[in-house]
Amino acid sequence: MKTIFLITALSLPLMSHGAPLSTAISGDKLIRQYLGDPSQRHTTPKGDAYVDRETARGYMDGVKDLTEGERWCDPRNAPPHEIHIDVVQAIAQLSADRRRTNAAVLVLETLSRLYPCKPNGGKS
């Protein structure tokens, strides 16, 4: 029985017929996911809008966690949601061409610009 389970579990990826999942998203998509539908921004996100916002937050958190202290520094220990808002607002102000590029690159560039580290590598 264990063998059948193991064979089935290992063959599941082979049975998938969908397109490969891409983890790279554009700055535009990150903004849409985080901010949601403009007509619904005055309400608390629900359902898919909530999942989209949390996905965008997680995406930014991944970039933040990987690079904090090396590429950017938080001088005031800001709550994560404040940094998310700062980053999304800054990316939203970029040109349309720039916003179509990889969101991780844009998040890192924005963090580095908004929250630079001191020259000695310490926090600002």
N, C-alpha and C. Protein backbone atom coordinates (compact mmCIF):
# COMPACT_ATOMS: atom_id res chain seq x y z
N MET A 1 0.83 -1.19 0.00
CA MET A 1 0.00 0.00 0.00
C MET A 1 0.88 1.26 0.00
N LYS A 2 1.94 1.24 0.81
CA LYS A 2 2.83 2.39 0.86
C LYS A 2 3.47 2.65 -0.49
N THR A 3 3.77 1.59 -1.23
CA THR A 3 4.39 1.74 -2.53
C THR A 3 3.44 2.43 -3.50
N ILE A 4 2.18 2.05 -3.49
CA ILE A 4 1.20 2.68 -4.37
C ILE A 4 1.06 4.16 -4.03
N PHE A 5 1.02 4.48 -2.74
CA PHE A 5 0.92 5.88 -2.32
C PHE A 5 2.14 6.66 -2.78
N LEU A 6 3.32 6.08 -2.61
CA LEU A 6 4.56 6.75 -2.99
C LEU A 6 4.60 6.99 -4.50
N ILE A 7 4.23 6.00 -5.29
CA ILE A 7 4.23 6.14 -6.75
C ILE A 7 3.23 7.22 -7.17
N THR A 8 2.05 7.20 -6.56
CA THR A 8 1.04 8.21 -6.88
C THR A 8 1.53 9.60 -6.51
N ALA A 9 2.10 9.75 -5.33
CA ALA A 9 2.58 11.06 -4.89
C ALA A 9 3.68 11.59 -5.79
N LEU A 10 4.58 10.72 -6.19
CA LEU A 10 5.68 11.15 -7.05
C LEU A 10 5.24 11.44 -8.48
N SER A 11 4.14 10.85 -8.92
CA SER A 11 3.70 11.07 -10.30
C SER A 11 2.72 12.23 -10.44
N LEU A 12 2.23 12.78 -9.35
CA LEU A 12 1.29 13.90 -9.44
C LEU A 12 1.82 15.08 -10.24
N PRO A 13 3.07 15.49 -10.03
CA PRO A 13 3.55 16.61 -10.85
C PRO A 13 3.55 16.30 -12.35
N LEU A 14 3.74 15.05 -12.70
CA LEU A 14 3.75 14.68 -14.11
C LEU A 14 2.36 14.73 -14.73
N MET A 15 1.33 14.60 -13.89
CA MET A 15 -0.03 14.58 -14.38
C MET A 15 -0.60 15.98 -14.57
N SER A 16 0.09 16.99 -14.13
CA SER A 16 -0.38 18.35 -14.28
C SER A 16 -0.29 18.78 -15.73
N HIS A 17 -1.37 19.37 -16.25
CA HIS A 17 -1.39 19.80 -17.64
C HIS A 17 -1.32 21.32 -17.77
N GLY A 18 -1.29 22.05 -16.66
CA GLY A 18 -1.29 23.50 -16.71
C GLY A 18 0.06 24.05 -17.08
N ALA A 19 0.07 25.33 -17.35
CA ALA A 19 1.32 26.02 -17.66
C ALA A 19 2.16 26.11 -16.40
N PRO A 20 3.47 26.18 -16.55
CA PRO A 20 4.33 26.29 -15.37
C PRO A 20 3.99 27.55 -14.57
N LEU A 21 4.07 27.44 -13.27
CA LEU A 21 3.77 28.56 -12.38
C LEU A 21 4.95 29.52 -12.38
N SER A 22 4.67 30.77 -12.68
CA SER A 22 5.71 31.79 -12.68
C SER A 22 5.64 32.55 -11.36
N THR A 23 6.77 32.68 -10.69
CA THR A 23 6.78 33.40 -9.42
C THR A 23 7.12 34.87 -9.61
N ALA A 24 7.65 35.24 -10.77
CA ALA A 24 7.99 36.64 -11.01
C ALA A 24 6.72 37.41 -11.39
N ILE A 25 6.52 38.52 -10.72
CA ILE A 25 5.37 39.37 -11.06
C ILE A 25 5.89 40.76 -11.36
N SER A 26 5.08 41.52 -12.05
CA SER A 26 5.47 42.89 -12.41
C SER A 26 5.11 43.84 -11.28
N GLY A 27 5.68 45.03 -11.35
CA GLY A 27 5.31 46.07 -10.40
C GLY A 27 3.83 46.40 -10.48
N ASP A 28 3.29 46.43 -11.70
CA ASP A 28 1.86 46.69 -11.87
C ASP A 28 1.01 45.65 -11.16
N LYS A 29 1.37 44.39 -11.31
CA LYS A 29 0.60 43.33 -10.66
C LYS A 29 0.70 43.43 -9.14
N LEU A 30 1.89 43.74 -8.64
CA LEU A 30 2.06 43.90 -7.20
C LEU A 30 1.15 45.01 -6.67
N ILE A 31 1.09 46.11 -7.38
CA ILE A 31 0.23 47.23 -6.98
C ILE A 31 -1.23 46.81 -7.00
N ARG A 32 -1.64 46.14 -8.08
CA ARG A 32 -3.04 45.68 -8.17
C ARG A 32 -3.38 44.71 -7.04
N GLN A 33 -2.46 43.79 -6.77
CA GLN A 33 -2.72 42.82 -5.71
C GLN A 33 -2.81 43.51 -4.35
N TYR A 34 -1.92 44.44 -4.10
CA TYR A 34 -1.90 45.08 -2.79
C TYR A 34 -3.07 46.03 -2.60
N LEU A 35 -3.34 46.86 -3.59
CA LEU A 35 -4.38 47.88 -3.46
C LEU A 35 -5.77 47.37 -3.79
N GLY A 36 -5.86 46.38 -4.66
CA GLY A 36 -7.16 45.83 -5.02
C GLY A 36 -7.94 46.74 -5.95
N ASP A 37 -9.19 46.41 -6.11
CA ASP A 37 -10.11 47.13 -6.98
C ASP A 37 -10.32 48.54 -6.43
N PRO A 38 -10.06 49.58 -7.25
CA PRO A 38 -10.22 50.96 -6.76
C PRO A 38 -11.61 51.24 -6.18
N SER A 39 -12.63 50.61 -6.72
CA SER A 39 -13.99 50.87 -6.22
C SER A 39 -14.24 50.22 -4.86
N GLN A 40 -13.35 49.33 -4.44
CA GLN A 40 -13.52 48.63 -3.17
C GLN A 40 -12.48 49.01 -2.12
N ARG A 41 -11.68 50.04 -2.38
CA ARG A 41 -10.57 50.37 -1.48
C ARG A 41 -11.02 50.94 -0.14
N HIS A 42 -12.25 51.37 -0.03
CA HIS A 42 -12.73 51.93 1.23
C HIS A 42 -13.24 50.85 2.18
N THR A 43 -13.23 49.60 1.73
CA THR A 43 -13.71 48.50 2.56
C THR A 43 -12.56 47.56 2.88
N THR A 44 -12.76 46.72 3.88
CA THR A 44 -11.78 45.70 4.21
C THR A 44 -11.82 44.63 3.13
N PRO A 45 -10.66 44.25 2.58
CA PRO A 45 -10.66 43.24 1.52
C PRO A 45 -11.23 41.91 2.02
N LYS A 46 -11.97 41.25 1.14
CA LYS A 46 -12.56 39.95 1.47
C LYS A 46 -12.30 39.01 0.31
N GLY A 47 -12.32 37.73 0.60
CA GLY A 47 -12.19 36.72 -0.45
C GLY A 47 -10.90 36.84 -1.23
N ASP A 48 -11.03 36.87 -2.56
CA ASP A 48 -9.86 36.94 -3.43
C ASP A 48 -9.05 38.21 -3.20
N ALA A 49 -9.72 39.32 -2.91
CA ALA A 49 -9.00 40.59 -2.67
C ALA A 49 -8.10 40.46 -1.45
N TYR A 50 -8.59 39.77 -0.42
CA TYR A 50 -7.79 39.56 0.79
C TYR A 50 -6.58 38.68 0.47
N VAL A 51 -6.80 37.61 -0.27
CA VAL A 51 -5.71 36.70 -0.64
C VAL A 51 -4.68 37.44 -1.48
N ASP A 52 -5.15 38.25 -2.43
CA ASP A 52 -4.23 39.02 -3.27
C ASP A 52 -3.38 39.97 -2.44
N ARG A 53 -4.01 40.69 -1.49
CA ARG A 53 -3.25 41.63 -0.67
C ARG A 53 -2.21 40.89 0.17
N GLU A 54 -2.59 39.78 0.76
CA GLU A 54 -1.66 39.02 1.58
C GLU A 54 -0.53 38.42 0.73
N THR A 55 -0.84 38.04 -0.50
CA THR A 55 0.19 37.54 -1.41
C THR A 55 1.20 38.65 -1.71
N ALA A 56 0.70 39.85 -1.98
CA ALA A 56 1.59 40.99 -2.24
C ALA A 56 2.44 41.30 -1.02
N ARG A 57 1.84 41.26 0.16
CA ARG A 57 2.61 41.50 1.39
C ARG A 57 3.70 40.45 1.56
N GLY A 58 3.34 39.20 1.34
CA GLY A 58 4.33 38.12 1.46
C GLY A 58 5.46 38.27 0.46
N TYR A 59 5.13 38.69 -0.75
CA TYR A 59 6.14 38.91 -1.79
C TYR A 59 7.12 39.99 -1.33
N MET A 60 6.58 41.12 -0.86
CA MET A 60 7.46 42.20 -0.38
C MET A 60 8.26 41.75 0.84
N ASP A 61 7.64 41.00 1.74
CA ASP A 61 8.35 40.52 2.92
C ASP A 61 9.52 39.62 2.55
N GLY A 62 9.35 38.81 1.51
CA GLY A 62 10.45 37.96 1.07
C GLY A 62 11.65 38.77 0.63
N VAL A 63 11.40 39.82 -0.13
CA VAL A 63 12.49 40.71 -0.58
C VAL A 63 13.10 41.41 0.63
N LYS A 64 12.23 41.92 1.52
CA LYS A 64 12.70 42.63 2.71
C LYS A 64 13.58 41.73 3.57
N ASP A 65 13.11 40.52 3.86
CA ASP A 65 13.84 39.62 4.75
C ASP A 65 15.19 39.22 4.18
N LEU A 66 15.25 39.04 2.88
CA LEU A 66 16.49 38.61 2.24
C LEU A 66 17.55 39.71 2.22
N THR A 67 17.12 40.97 2.19
CA THR A 67 18.06 42.06 1.93
C THR A 67 18.23 43.06 3.06
N GLU A 68 17.43 42.97 4.13
CA GLU A 68 17.51 43.96 5.20
C GLU A 68 18.88 43.92 5.88
N GLY A 69 19.42 45.09 6.11
CA GLY A 69 20.72 45.21 6.76
C GLY A 69 21.88 45.19 5.78
N GLU A 70 21.64 44.75 4.57
CA GLU A 70 22.68 44.73 3.55
C GLU A 70 22.39 45.73 2.44
N ARG A 71 21.15 45.73 1.96
CA ARG A 71 20.79 46.61 0.85
C ARG A 71 19.90 47.77 1.30
N TRP A 72 19.28 47.62 2.46
CA TRP A 72 18.44 48.68 3.02
C TRP A 72 18.39 48.49 4.52
N CYS A 73 18.07 49.56 5.23
CA CYS A 73 17.99 49.50 6.70
C CYS A 73 16.79 50.30 7.17
N ASP A 74 16.06 49.75 8.11
CA ASP A 74 14.89 50.42 8.65
C ASP A 74 15.32 51.23 9.87
N PRO A 75 15.41 52.55 9.72
CA PRO A 75 15.93 53.38 10.82
C PRO A 75 14.98 53.50 12.00
N ARG A 76 13.71 53.23 11.79
CA ARG A 76 12.76 53.47 12.86
C ARG A 76 12.01 52.21 13.30
N ASN A 77 12.44 51.06 12.80
CA ASN A 77 11.74 49.80 13.08
C ASN A 77 10.25 49.94 12.80
N ALA A 78 9.95 50.41 11.61
CA ALA A 78 8.56 50.64 11.20
C ALA A 78 7.80 49.33 11.14
N PRO A 79 6.52 49.37 11.45
CA PRO A 79 5.70 48.17 11.29
C PRO A 79 5.70 47.76 9.81
N PRO A 80 5.66 46.47 9.53
CA PRO A 80 5.72 46.02 8.13
C PRO A 80 4.68 46.67 7.23
N HIS A 81 3.47 46.88 7.73
CA HIS A 81 2.44 47.44 6.85
C HIS A 81 2.79 48.87 6.41
N GLU A 82 3.52 49.61 7.24
CA GLU A 82 3.94 50.96 6.83
C GLU A 82 4.97 50.90 5.71
N ILE A 83 5.88 49.94 5.81
CA ILE A 83 6.88 49.78 4.75
C ILE A 83 6.19 49.32 3.47
N HIS A 84 5.23 48.40 3.59
CA HIS A 84 4.48 47.95 2.40
C HIS A 84 3.85 49.13 1.69
N ILE A 85 3.19 49.98 2.45
CA ILE A 85 2.52 51.15 1.86
C ILE A 85 3.52 52.07 1.19
N ASP A 86 4.64 52.35 1.87
CA ASP A 86 5.68 53.20 1.28
C ASP A 86 6.17 52.64 -0.05
N VAL A 87 6.42 51.33 -0.07
CA VAL A 87 6.96 50.69 -1.27
C VAL A 87 5.93 50.71 -2.40
N VAL A 88 4.70 50.33 -2.11
CA VAL A 88 3.66 50.30 -3.15
C VAL A 88 3.42 51.69 -3.71
N GLN A 89 3.35 52.70 -2.85
CA GLN A 89 3.13 54.06 -3.32
C GLN A 89 4.28 54.53 -4.20
N ALA A 90 5.51 54.19 -3.83
CA ALA A 90 6.66 54.61 -4.63
C ALA A 90 6.68 53.91 -5.98
N ILE A 91 6.37 52.62 -6.01
CA ILE A 91 6.34 51.88 -7.27
C ILE A 91 5.22 52.42 -8.16
N ALA A 92 4.09 52.76 -7.56
CA ALA A 92 2.95 53.29 -8.33
C ALA A 92 3.31 54.59 -9.05
N GLN A 93 4.30 55.33 -8.55
CA GLN A 93 4.69 56.60 -9.15
C GLN A 93 5.70 56.44 -10.28
N LEU A 94 6.19 55.22 -10.49
CA LEU A 94 7.15 54.98 -11.57
C LEU A 94 6.44 55.03 -12.92
N SER A 95 7.22 55.13 -13.96
CA SER A 95 6.64 55.14 -15.31
C SER A 95 6.00 53.78 -15.60
N ALA A 96 5.08 53.78 -16.55
CA ALA A 96 4.39 52.54 -16.93
C ALA A 96 5.39 51.47 -17.38
N ASP A 97 6.41 51.87 -18.13
CA ASP A 97 7.41 50.90 -18.58
C ASP A 97 8.16 50.29 -17.39
N ARG A 98 8.51 51.11 -16.45
CA ARG A 98 9.24 50.63 -15.27
C ARG A 98 8.37 49.68 -14.45
N ARG A 99 7.08 50.02 -14.30
CA ARG A 99 6.17 49.19 -13.50
C ARG A 99 5.93 47.83 -14.13
N ARG A 100 6.22 47.68 -15.41
CA ARG A 100 6.03 46.39 -16.06
C ARG A 100 7.21 45.44 -15.83
N THR A 101 8.26 45.92 -15.16
CA THR A 101 9.42 45.07 -14.90
C THR A 101 9.21 44.27 -13.61
N ASN A 102 10.16 43.41 -13.32
CA ASN A 102 10.08 42.49 -12.18
C ASN A 102 9.86 43.24 -10.86
N ALA A 103 8.82 42.86 -10.15
CA ALA A 103 8.46 43.53 -8.90
C ALA A 103 9.54 43.39 -7.84
N ALA A 104 10.22 42.27 -7.77
CA ALA A 104 11.26 42.09 -6.74
C ALA A 104 12.37 43.12 -6.91
N VAL A 105 12.75 43.37 -8.14
CA VAL A 105 13.78 44.37 -8.42
C VAL A 105 13.28 45.75 -7.99
N LEU A 106 12.03 46.06 -8.34
CA LEU A 106 11.46 47.36 -7.97
C LEU A 106 11.34 47.51 -6.46
N VAL A 107 10.94 46.47 -5.77
CA VAL A 107 10.82 46.52 -4.30
C VAL A 107 12.19 46.78 -3.69
N LEU A 108 13.20 46.06 -4.14
CA LEU A 108 14.55 46.24 -3.59
C LEU A 108 15.09 47.63 -3.89
N GLU A 109 14.92 48.11 -5.12
CA GLU A 109 15.38 49.46 -5.45
C GLU A 109 14.67 50.50 -4.59
N THR A 110 13.39 50.31 -4.38
CA THR A 110 12.61 51.26 -3.59
C THR A 110 13.04 51.24 -2.13
N LEU A 111 13.21 50.05 -1.57
CA LEU A 111 13.67 49.95 -0.18
C LEU A 111 15.03 50.61 -0.02
N SER A 112 15.93 50.36 -0.97
CA SER A 112 17.28 50.94 -0.90
C SER A 112 17.24 52.46 -0.97
N ARG A 113 16.33 52.98 -1.76
CA ARG A 113 16.22 54.44 -1.91
C ARG A 113 15.54 55.07 -0.69
N LEU A 114 14.45 54.46 -0.21
CA LEU A 114 13.70 55.04 0.90
C LEU A 114 14.36 54.81 2.26
N TYR A 115 15.07 53.72 2.39
CA TYR A 115 15.65 53.33 3.67
C TYR A 115 17.12 52.95 3.51
N PRO A 116 17.97 53.91 3.13
CA PRO A 116 19.38 53.57 2.91
C PRO A 116 20.09 53.25 4.22
N CYS A 117 21.10 52.40 4.13
CA CYS A 117 21.93 52.09 5.29
C CYS A 117 23.03 53.15 5.41
N LYS A 118 23.53 53.32 6.61
CA LYS A 118 24.67 54.23 6.80
C LYS A 118 25.86 53.66 6.05
N PRO A 119 26.77 54.51 5.65
CA PRO A 119 27.95 54.03 4.91
C PRO A 119 28.73 52.94 5.63
N ASN A 120 28.72 52.91 6.95
CA ASN A 120 29.47 51.90 7.68
C ASN A 120 28.72 50.56 7.76
N GLY A 121 27.55 50.49 7.09
CA GLY A 121 26.79 49.24 7.08
C GLY A 121 25.76 49.16 8.19
N GLY A 122 25.75 50.15 9.08
CA GLY A 122 24.78 50.13 10.16
C GLY A 122 23.48 50.74 9.76
N LYS A 123 22.55 50.70 10.67
CA LYS A 123 21.23 51.29 10.39
C LYS A 123 21.34 52.81 10.33
N SER A 124 20.46 53.38 9.51
CA SER A 124 20.44 54.84 9.35
C SER A 124 20.11 55.53 10.64
